[in-house]
Amino acid sequence: MVDHVPRQKVRAMPDPRSQSEGFRANRAARRNVLVEDYVELISDLGADGRQVRQIDMAGRLGVSQPTVAKMLARLSAEGLVVQNPYCGVALTDAGRTLAAETRARHRIVEAFLMALGVDRAQALIDAEGIEHYVGEATLAAFQRALDRGLGAFMQDAPLRATR
């Protein structure tokens, strides 16, 4: 629990258009979370040329095999995967592109959190959720902060605070 957040004045509500855009973006992200998680996992599991099997996916995702089968049917219908009997699951070109984009977002968010001082294990957990919801402009700002030395700045922050 964060108990050191300074109190702020109550602010006026955002204009309806801005507020609805935020809600709309959040709903769109929620619809894509599972798709992005699955294609990223399929990419990771198949990275070394191994066969990607439903049982392995279920174990990694903490879900049942029927749940994986249902999602794979959706991904297949969306043109992101192909399922070959006895050969497992493979990403299509569109699936590989989505997996690469998702992985890049994840890495930026993870690096940003770690630069802020979040330990690696927690950054991995938190990045898994944040990566789906952070907007492109915010993601670009994270990358700019990293490129400009956010990690070094944060490491020096305790020194500056005690001076």
N, C-alpha and C. Protein backbone atom coordinates (compact mmCIF):
# COMPACT_ATOMS: atom_id res chain seq x y z
N MET A 1 0.84 -1.19 0.00
CA MET A 1 0.00 0.00 0.00
C MET A 1 0.87 1.24 0.00
N VAL A 2 0.55 2.19 -0.80
CA VAL A 2 1.31 3.43 -0.88
C VAL A 2 0.71 4.42 0.10
N ASP A 3 1.53 4.88 1.04
CA ASP A 3 1.00 5.81 2.05
C ASP A 3 1.71 7.16 2.00
N HIS A 4 2.58 7.35 1.05
CA HIS A 4 3.33 8.60 0.96
C HIS A 4 2.93 9.47 -0.23
N VAL A 5 1.81 9.19 -0.82
CA VAL A 5 1.33 9.98 -1.96
C VAL A 5 0.77 11.29 -1.41
N PRO A 6 1.28 12.41 -1.90
CA PRO A 6 0.77 13.69 -1.39
C PRO A 6 -0.70 13.89 -1.76
N ARG A 7 -1.42 14.51 -0.87
CA ARG A 7 -2.83 14.80 -1.15
C ARG A 7 -2.91 15.86 -2.24
N GLN A 8 -3.87 15.66 -3.10
CA GLN A 8 -4.06 16.61 -4.18
C GLN A 8 -5.45 17.21 -4.07
N LYS A 9 -5.57 18.38 -4.63
CA LYS A 9 -6.88 19.00 -4.66
C LYS A 9 -7.80 18.18 -5.55
N VAL A 10 -9.07 18.18 -5.22
CA VAL A 10 -10.05 17.50 -6.07
C VAL A 10 -10.09 18.26 -7.38
N ARG A 11 -9.95 17.51 -8.46
CA ARG A 11 -9.93 18.17 -9.75
C ARG A 11 -11.25 17.93 -10.48
N ALA A 12 -11.49 18.78 -11.41
CA ALA A 12 -12.71 18.66 -12.20
C ALA A 12 -12.62 17.42 -13.07
N MET A 13 -13.75 16.87 -13.37
CA MET A 13 -13.78 15.70 -14.25
C MET A 13 -13.29 16.09 -15.63
N PRO A 14 -12.67 15.13 -16.34
CA PRO A 14 -12.26 15.44 -17.71
C PRO A 14 -13.49 15.65 -18.59
N ASP A 15 -13.26 16.28 -19.71
CA ASP A 15 -14.39 16.49 -20.61
C ASP A 15 -14.89 15.13 -21.08
N PRO A 16 -16.18 15.03 -21.42
CA PRO A 16 -16.76 13.73 -21.80
C PRO A 16 -16.03 13.02 -22.94
N ARG A 17 -15.58 13.78 -23.92
CA ARG A 17 -14.89 13.17 -25.05
C ARG A 17 -13.59 12.49 -24.61
N SER A 18 -12.80 13.18 -23.80
CA SER A 18 -11.54 12.61 -23.32
C SER A 18 -11.79 11.41 -22.43
N GLN A 19 -12.78 11.52 -21.57
CA GLN A 19 -13.08 10.42 -20.67
C GLN A 19 -13.55 9.19 -21.44
N SER A 20 -14.42 9.40 -22.41
CA SER A 20 -14.92 8.25 -23.17
C SER A 20 -13.80 7.61 -23.98
N GLU A 21 -12.85 8.41 -24.47
CA GLU A 21 -11.71 7.85 -25.20
C GLU A 21 -10.88 6.94 -24.29
N GLY A 22 -10.69 7.35 -23.05
CA GLY A 22 -9.97 6.51 -22.10
C GLY A 22 -10.68 5.20 -21.85
N PHE A 23 -11.97 5.24 -21.66
CA PHE A 23 -12.73 4.01 -21.45
C PHE A 23 -12.72 3.13 -22.70
N ARG A 24 -12.81 3.75 -23.86
CA ARG A 24 -12.80 3.01 -25.13
C ARG A 24 -11.45 2.30 -25.31
N ALA A 25 -10.37 3.01 -25.03
CA ALA A 25 -9.03 2.41 -25.16
C ALA A 25 -8.86 1.25 -24.19
N ASN A 26 -9.38 1.40 -22.99
CA ASN A 26 -9.27 0.34 -21.99
C ASN A 26 -10.05 -0.90 -22.43
N ARG A 27 -11.24 -0.71 -22.96
CA ARG A 27 -12.03 -1.86 -23.43
C ARG A 27 -11.33 -2.57 -24.58
N ALA A 28 -10.75 -1.79 -25.50
CA ALA A 28 -10.03 -2.39 -26.63
C ALA A 28 -8.83 -3.19 -26.13
N ALA A 29 -8.11 -2.65 -25.17
CA ALA A 29 -6.95 -3.37 -24.61
C ALA A 29 -7.39 -4.66 -23.95
N ARG A 30 -8.49 -4.62 -23.20
CA ARG A 30 -8.98 -5.84 -22.54
C ARG A 30 -9.32 -6.92 -23.55
N ARG A 31 -9.89 -6.53 -24.68
CA ARG A 31 -10.24 -7.51 -25.71
C ARG A 31 -8.98 -8.16 -26.29
N ASN A 32 -7.87 -7.45 -26.30
CA ASN A 32 -6.66 -7.94 -26.94
C ASN A 32 -5.69 -8.64 -25.99
N VAL A 33 -5.89 -8.52 -24.69
CA VAL A 33 -4.93 -9.06 -23.73
C VAL A 33 -4.67 -10.54 -23.98
N LEU A 34 -5.71 -11.35 -24.03
CA LEU A 34 -5.52 -12.79 -24.19
C LEU A 34 -4.88 -13.14 -25.53
N VAL A 35 -5.31 -12.48 -26.57
CA VAL A 35 -4.73 -12.74 -27.89
C VAL A 35 -3.23 -12.46 -27.85
N GLU A 36 -2.86 -11.32 -27.31
CA GLU A 36 -1.44 -10.95 -27.25
C GLU A 36 -0.66 -11.91 -26.36
N ASP A 37 -1.23 -12.30 -25.23
CA ASP A 37 -0.54 -13.25 -24.34
C ASP A 37 -0.30 -14.58 -25.04
N TYR A 38 -1.29 -15.07 -25.74
CA TYR A 38 -1.16 -16.36 -26.42
C TYR A 38 -0.13 -16.31 -27.54
N VAL A 39 -0.18 -15.30 -28.39
CA VAL A 39 0.78 -15.27 -29.50
C VAL A 39 2.20 -15.07 -29.00
N GLU A 40 2.36 -14.29 -27.95
CA GLU A 40 3.69 -14.10 -27.37
C GLU A 40 4.20 -15.42 -26.79
N LEU A 41 3.35 -16.15 -26.09
CA LEU A 41 3.75 -17.43 -25.52
C LEU A 41 4.08 -18.44 -26.61
N ILE A 42 3.27 -18.51 -27.63
CA ILE A 42 3.54 -19.44 -28.75
C ILE A 42 4.89 -19.11 -29.37
N SER A 43 5.16 -17.83 -29.55
CA SER A 43 6.45 -17.41 -30.10
C SER A 43 7.60 -17.84 -29.20
N ASP A 44 7.44 -17.62 -27.90
CA ASP A 44 8.49 -17.99 -26.95
C ASP A 44 8.72 -19.49 -26.92
N LEU A 45 7.63 -20.25 -26.87
CA LEU A 45 7.76 -21.71 -26.80
C LEU A 45 8.37 -22.30 -28.08
N GLY A 46 8.09 -21.69 -29.20
CA GLY A 46 8.60 -22.20 -30.47
C GLY A 46 9.90 -21.57 -30.93
N ALA A 47 10.48 -20.70 -30.09
CA ALA A 47 11.66 -19.95 -30.50
C ALA A 47 12.85 -20.83 -30.86
N ASP A 48 13.00 -21.94 -30.20
CA ASP A 48 14.14 -22.80 -30.48
C ASP A 48 13.79 -23.93 -31.43
N GLY A 49 12.70 -23.76 -32.16
CA GLY A 49 12.29 -24.76 -33.14
C GLY A 49 11.48 -25.91 -32.56
N ARG A 50 11.20 -25.86 -31.27
CA ARG A 50 10.41 -26.92 -30.65
C ARG A 50 8.96 -26.84 -31.10
N GLN A 51 8.31 -27.98 -31.00
CA GLN A 51 6.88 -28.07 -31.28
C GLN A 51 6.13 -27.40 -30.14
N VAL A 52 5.16 -26.57 -30.47
CA VAL A 52 4.34 -25.90 -29.46
C VAL A 52 3.08 -26.72 -29.27
N ARG A 53 2.93 -27.25 -28.05
CA ARG A 53 1.80 -28.13 -27.77
C ARG A 53 0.83 -27.45 -26.80
N GLN A 54 -0.44 -27.81 -26.92
CA GLN A 54 -1.47 -27.25 -26.05
C GLN A 54 -1.18 -27.51 -24.58
N ILE A 55 -0.68 -28.69 -24.25
CA ILE A 55 -0.42 -29.02 -22.86
C ILE A 55 0.64 -28.09 -22.26
N ASP A 56 1.64 -27.75 -23.05
CA ASP A 56 2.69 -26.83 -22.58
C ASP A 56 2.13 -25.43 -22.38
N MET A 57 1.27 -25.02 -23.30
CA MET A 57 0.65 -23.70 -23.18
C MET A 57 -0.23 -23.64 -21.95
N ALA A 58 -1.03 -24.67 -21.73
CA ALA A 58 -1.93 -24.70 -20.58
C ALA A 58 -1.14 -24.58 -19.29
N GLY A 59 -0.03 -25.31 -19.20
CA GLY A 59 0.80 -25.26 -18.00
C GLY A 59 1.38 -23.89 -17.76
N ARG A 60 1.85 -23.25 -18.82
CA ARG A 60 2.46 -21.92 -18.69
C ARG A 60 1.42 -20.86 -18.34
N LEU A 61 0.23 -20.99 -18.90
CA LEU A 61 -0.82 -19.99 -18.68
C LEU A 61 -1.64 -20.26 -17.42
N GLY A 62 -1.52 -21.48 -16.88
CA GLY A 62 -2.29 -21.83 -15.69
C GLY A 62 -3.77 -22.01 -15.99
N VAL A 63 -4.05 -22.56 -17.17
CA VAL A 63 -5.43 -22.80 -17.57
C VAL A 63 -5.56 -24.25 -18.04
N SER A 64 -6.77 -24.68 -18.31
CA SER A 64 -6.99 -26.05 -18.77
C SER A 64 -6.72 -26.16 -20.27
N GLN A 65 -6.50 -27.39 -20.73
CA GLN A 65 -6.29 -27.60 -22.17
C GLN A 65 -7.51 -27.22 -23.00
N PRO A 66 -8.75 -27.49 -22.52
CA PRO A 66 -9.90 -27.03 -23.31
C PRO A 66 -9.94 -25.51 -23.47
N THR A 67 -9.48 -24.79 -22.46
CA THR A 67 -9.42 -23.33 -22.56
C THR A 67 -8.44 -22.92 -23.65
N VAL A 68 -7.30 -23.59 -23.68
CA VAL A 68 -6.30 -23.32 -24.72
C VAL A 68 -6.87 -23.66 -26.10
N ALA A 69 -7.54 -24.81 -26.20
CA ALA A 69 -8.11 -25.22 -27.49
C ALA A 69 -9.11 -24.19 -28.00
N LYS A 70 -9.92 -23.66 -27.11
CA LYS A 70 -10.92 -22.66 -27.50
C LYS A 70 -10.23 -21.39 -28.01
N MET A 71 -9.19 -20.95 -27.31
CA MET A 71 -8.48 -19.75 -27.74
C MET A 71 -7.73 -20.00 -29.05
N LEU A 72 -7.17 -21.17 -29.21
CA LEU A 72 -6.48 -21.48 -30.47
C LEU A 72 -7.44 -21.46 -31.65
N ALA A 73 -8.66 -21.89 -31.43
CA ALA A 73 -9.67 -21.82 -32.50
C ALA A 73 -9.92 -20.36 -32.87
N ARG A 74 -9.98 -19.50 -31.87
CA ARG A 74 -10.17 -18.06 -32.13
C ARG A 74 -8.97 -17.48 -32.88
N LEU A 75 -7.77 -17.82 -32.41
CA LEU A 75 -6.56 -17.30 -33.06
C LEU A 75 -6.45 -17.80 -34.50
N SER A 76 -6.87 -19.02 -34.73
CA SER A 76 -6.86 -19.58 -36.08
C SER A 76 -7.85 -18.82 -36.96
N ALA A 77 -9.03 -18.57 -36.43
CA ALA A 77 -10.06 -17.84 -37.19
C ALA A 77 -9.60 -16.41 -37.51
N GLU A 78 -8.77 -15.84 -36.62
CA GLU A 78 -8.26 -14.48 -36.84
C GLU A 78 -7.00 -14.46 -37.69
N GLY A 79 -6.56 -15.65 -38.12
CA GLY A 79 -5.40 -15.72 -39.01
C GLY A 79 -4.07 -15.54 -38.32
N LEU A 80 -4.02 -15.81 -37.02
CA LEU A 80 -2.78 -15.61 -36.26
C LEU A 80 -1.99 -16.89 -36.04
N VAL A 81 -2.67 -18.04 -36.09
CA VAL A 81 -2.00 -19.33 -35.91
C VAL A 81 -2.52 -20.34 -36.91
N VAL A 82 -1.72 -21.38 -37.10
CA VAL A 82 -2.16 -22.56 -37.83
C VAL A 82 -1.95 -23.74 -36.90
N GLN A 83 -2.91 -24.65 -36.91
CA GLN A 83 -2.81 -25.85 -36.09
C GLN A 83 -2.65 -27.04 -37.02
N ASN A 84 -1.59 -27.77 -36.80
CA ASN A 84 -1.32 -28.94 -37.61
C ASN A 84 -1.40 -30.17 -36.72
N PRO A 85 -2.27 -31.13 -37.08
CA PRO A 85 -2.34 -32.35 -36.27
C PRO A 85 -0.96 -32.99 -36.15
N TYR A 86 -0.62 -33.36 -34.96
CA TYR A 86 0.66 -34.02 -34.64
C TYR A 86 1.87 -33.11 -34.81
N CYS A 87 1.66 -31.87 -35.18
CA CYS A 87 2.80 -30.95 -35.36
C CYS A 87 2.68 -29.72 -34.48
N GLY A 88 1.62 -29.63 -33.71
CA GLY A 88 1.47 -28.51 -32.81
C GLY A 88 0.92 -27.25 -33.45
N VAL A 89 1.23 -26.14 -32.84
CA VAL A 89 0.70 -24.84 -33.22
C VAL A 89 1.85 -23.99 -33.75
N ALA A 90 1.60 -23.22 -34.78
CA ALA A 90 2.60 -22.31 -35.32
C ALA A 90 1.95 -20.97 -35.62
N LEU A 91 2.72 -19.92 -35.48
CA LEU A 91 2.23 -18.59 -35.79
C LEU A 91 2.28 -18.33 -37.29
N THR A 92 1.32 -17.60 -37.78
CA THR A 92 1.36 -17.10 -39.15
C THR A 92 2.25 -15.86 -39.16
N ASP A 93 2.45 -15.27 -40.32
CA ASP A 93 3.22 -14.03 -40.39
C ASP A 93 2.57 -12.95 -39.52
N ALA A 94 1.24 -12.86 -39.59
CA ALA A 94 0.52 -11.87 -38.78
C ALA A 94 0.70 -12.17 -37.29
N GLY A 95 0.68 -13.44 -36.92
CA GLY A 95 0.90 -13.83 -35.53
C GLY A 95 2.30 -13.49 -35.05
N ARG A 96 3.29 -13.73 -35.91
CA ARG A 96 4.68 -13.40 -35.55
C ARG A 96 4.85 -11.89 -35.38
N THR A 97 4.21 -11.12 -36.24
CA THR A 97 4.29 -9.66 -36.13
C THR A 97 3.67 -9.19 -34.82
N LEU A 98 2.48 -9.70 -34.50
CA LEU A 98 1.83 -9.32 -33.25
C LEU A 98 2.66 -9.75 -32.04
N ALA A 99 3.24 -10.93 -32.08
CA ALA A 99 4.07 -11.41 -30.97
C ALA A 99 5.29 -10.51 -30.79
N ALA A 100 5.93 -10.10 -31.88
CA ALA A 100 7.10 -9.23 -31.80
C ALA A 100 6.73 -7.86 -31.23
N GLU A 101 5.60 -7.32 -31.66
CA GLU A 101 5.15 -6.03 -31.15
C GLU A 101 4.84 -6.12 -29.66
N THR A 102 4.17 -7.18 -29.26
CA THR A 102 3.82 -7.36 -27.85
C THR A 102 5.08 -7.54 -27.00
N ARG A 103 6.01 -8.34 -27.49
CA ARG A 103 7.26 -8.57 -26.76
C ARG A 103 8.04 -7.26 -26.60
N ALA A 104 8.08 -6.45 -27.64
CA ALA A 104 8.79 -5.17 -27.57
C ALA A 104 8.15 -4.26 -26.53
N ARG A 105 6.83 -4.21 -26.50
CA ARG A 105 6.12 -3.40 -25.50
C ARG A 105 6.47 -3.91 -24.10
N HIS A 106 6.44 -5.23 -23.95
CA HIS A 106 6.74 -5.83 -22.65
C HIS A 106 8.14 -5.45 -22.19
N ARG A 107 9.10 -5.55 -23.09
CA ARG A 107 10.50 -5.25 -22.72
C ARG A 107 10.69 -3.80 -22.32
N ILE A 108 10.03 -2.89 -23.01
CA ILE A 108 10.14 -1.47 -22.65
C ILE A 108 9.54 -1.23 -21.27
N VAL A 109 8.34 -1.77 -21.04
CA VAL A 109 7.69 -1.56 -19.74
C VAL A 109 8.53 -2.20 -18.63
N GLU A 110 9.01 -3.40 -18.86
CA GLU A 110 9.83 -4.09 -17.86
C GLU A 110 11.10 -3.29 -17.55
N ALA A 111 11.79 -2.82 -18.58
CA ALA A 111 13.01 -2.04 -18.38
C ALA A 111 12.71 -0.74 -17.64
N PHE A 112 11.60 -0.10 -17.98
CA PHE A 112 11.21 1.13 -17.31
C PHE A 112 10.97 0.89 -15.82
N LEU A 113 10.23 -0.16 -15.50
CA LEU A 113 9.96 -0.47 -14.09
C LEU A 113 11.25 -0.78 -13.34
N MET A 114 12.13 -1.53 -13.98
CA MET A 114 13.39 -1.84 -13.32
C MET A 114 14.25 -0.59 -13.14
N ALA A 115 14.21 0.33 -14.10
CA ALA A 115 14.95 1.58 -13.97
C ALA A 115 14.41 2.41 -12.80
N LEU A 116 13.12 2.26 -12.51
CA LEU A 116 12.53 2.96 -11.37
C LEU A 116 12.92 2.32 -10.03
N GLY A 117 13.51 1.12 -10.10
CA GLY A 117 13.94 0.45 -8.88
C GLY A 117 13.10 -0.75 -8.50
N VAL A 118 12.16 -1.13 -9.35
CA VAL A 118 11.34 -2.31 -9.09
C VAL A 118 12.22 -3.53 -9.36
N ASP A 119 12.21 -4.51 -8.44
CA ASP A 119 13.06 -5.69 -8.67
C ASP A 119 12.56 -6.47 -9.88
N ARG A 120 13.47 -7.24 -10.48
CA ARG A 120 13.20 -7.92 -11.74
C ARG A 120 11.97 -8.82 -11.68
N ALA A 121 11.85 -9.60 -10.61
CA ALA A 121 10.71 -10.52 -10.50
C ALA A 121 9.39 -9.77 -10.52
N GLN A 122 9.30 -8.69 -9.77
CA GLN A 122 8.06 -7.91 -9.73
C GLN A 122 7.85 -7.17 -11.03
N ALA A 123 8.92 -6.68 -11.64
CA ALA A 123 8.80 -5.97 -12.92
C ALA A 123 8.25 -6.90 -13.99
N LEU A 124 8.67 -8.16 -13.98
CA LEU A 124 8.14 -9.14 -14.94
C LEU A 124 6.64 -9.32 -14.77
N ILE A 125 6.21 -9.43 -13.52
CA ILE A 125 4.78 -9.62 -13.22
C ILE A 125 3.99 -8.39 -13.64
N ASP A 126 4.45 -7.22 -13.23
CA ASP A 126 3.70 -6.00 -13.52
C ASP A 126 3.70 -5.66 -15.01
N ALA A 127 4.83 -5.89 -15.67
CA ALA A 127 4.91 -5.59 -17.11
C ALA A 127 3.93 -6.45 -17.89
N GLU A 128 3.68 -7.66 -17.40
CA GLU A 128 2.75 -8.56 -18.09
C GLU A 128 1.36 -7.95 -18.18
N GLY A 129 0.98 -7.13 -17.23
CA GLY A 129 -0.32 -6.48 -17.29
C GLY A 129 -0.27 -5.13 -17.98
N ILE A 130 0.72 -4.34 -17.62
CA ILE A 130 0.82 -2.96 -18.11
C ILE A 130 1.01 -2.92 -19.62
N GLU A 131 1.79 -3.86 -20.17
CA GLU A 131 2.12 -3.84 -21.60
C GLU A 131 0.89 -3.76 -22.49
N HIS A 132 -0.22 -4.27 -22.03
CA HIS A 132 -1.43 -4.31 -22.86
C HIS A 132 -2.22 -3.00 -22.79
N TYR A 133 -1.99 -2.22 -21.76
CA TYR A 133 -2.82 -1.04 -21.53
C TYR A 133 -2.11 0.28 -21.79
N VAL A 134 -0.80 0.28 -21.82
CA VAL A 134 -0.08 1.52 -22.00
C VAL A 134 -0.21 1.99 -23.45
N GLY A 135 -0.47 3.26 -23.60
CA GLY A 135 -0.63 3.83 -24.94
C GLY A 135 0.70 4.04 -25.63
N GLU A 136 0.64 4.21 -26.94
CA GLU A 136 1.87 4.38 -27.73
C GLU A 136 2.67 5.60 -27.30
N ALA A 137 2.00 6.71 -27.01
CA ALA A 137 2.72 7.93 -26.60
C ALA A 137 3.41 7.71 -25.26
N THR A 138 2.74 7.03 -24.34
CA THR A 138 3.34 6.75 -23.04
C THR A 138 4.50 5.79 -23.19
N LEU A 139 4.33 4.78 -24.02
CA LEU A 139 5.41 3.82 -24.27
C LEU A 139 6.63 4.53 -24.86
N ALA A 140 6.40 5.44 -25.78
CA ALA A 140 7.50 6.21 -26.36
C ALA A 140 8.18 7.07 -25.29
N ALA A 141 7.39 7.63 -24.37
CA ALA A 141 7.97 8.41 -23.28
C ALA A 141 8.82 7.53 -22.37
N PHE A 142 8.34 6.31 -22.09
CA PHE A 142 9.13 5.35 -21.30
C PHE A 142 10.48 5.12 -21.98
N GLN A 143 10.44 4.88 -23.30
CA GLN A 143 11.67 4.60 -24.03
C GLN A 143 12.60 5.80 -24.02
N ARG A 144 12.05 7.01 -24.19
CA ARG A 144 12.89 8.22 -24.14
C ARG A 144 13.55 8.35 -22.77
N ALA A 145 12.80 8.11 -21.71
CA ALA A 145 13.36 8.20 -20.36
C ALA A 145 14.48 7.18 -20.17
N LEU A 146 14.28 5.98 -20.68
CA LEU A 146 15.33 4.96 -20.59
C LEU A 146 16.56 5.39 -21.40
N ASP A 147 16.32 5.88 -22.61
CA ASP A 147 17.43 6.29 -23.48
C ASP A 147 18.22 7.46 -22.88
N ARG A 148 17.57 8.27 -22.09
CA ARG A 148 18.22 9.44 -21.49
C ARG A 148 18.78 9.16 -20.11
N GLY A 149 18.81 7.90 -19.72
CA GLY A 149 19.48 7.54 -18.47
C GLY A 149 18.62 7.51 -17.23
N LEU A 150 17.38 7.14 -17.36
CA LEU A 150 16.50 7.07 -16.18
C LEU A 150 17.07 6.17 -15.10
N GLY A 151 17.63 5.03 -15.49
CA GLY A 151 18.18 4.09 -14.51
C GLY A 151 19.27 4.73 -13.68
N ALA A 152 20.21 5.40 -14.33
CA ALA A 152 21.31 6.06 -13.60
C ALA A 152 20.76 7.18 -12.72
N PHE A 153 19.79 7.93 -13.24
CA PHE A 153 19.18 9.00 -12.46
C PHE A 153 18.54 8.45 -11.19
N MET A 154 17.80 7.36 -11.33
CA MET A 154 17.12 6.77 -10.18
C MET A 154 18.11 6.17 -9.19
N GLN A 155 19.22 5.62 -9.67
CA GLN A 155 20.22 5.08 -8.76
C GLN A 155 20.85 6.19 -7.94
N ASP A 156 20.97 7.37 -8.53
CA ASP A 156 21.55 8.52 -7.81
C ASP A 156 20.52 9.24 -6.94
N ALA A 157 19.25 8.96 -7.14
CA ALA A 157 18.20 9.69 -6.42
C ALA A 157 18.36 9.65 -4.91
N PRO A 158 18.66 8.51 -4.27
CA PRO A 158 18.84 8.53 -2.83
C PRO A 158 19.98 9.44 -2.38
N LEU A 159 21.04 9.52 -3.22
CA LEU A 159 22.14 10.40 -2.88
C LEU A 159 21.71 11.86 -2.90
N ARG A 160 20.95 12.23 -3.91
CA ARG A 160 20.47 13.61 -4.01
C ARG A 160 19.52 13.95 -2.87
N ALA A 161 18.70 12.98 -2.47
CA ALA A 161 17.70 13.23 -1.44
C ALA A 161 18.35 13.46 -0.08
N THR A 162 19.54 12.91 0.16
CA THR A 162 20.16 13.06 1.47
C THR A 162 21.07 14.28 1.55
N ARG A 163 21.30 14.95 0.47
CA ARG A 163 22.18 16.13 0.46
C ARG A 163 21.50 17.32 1.00
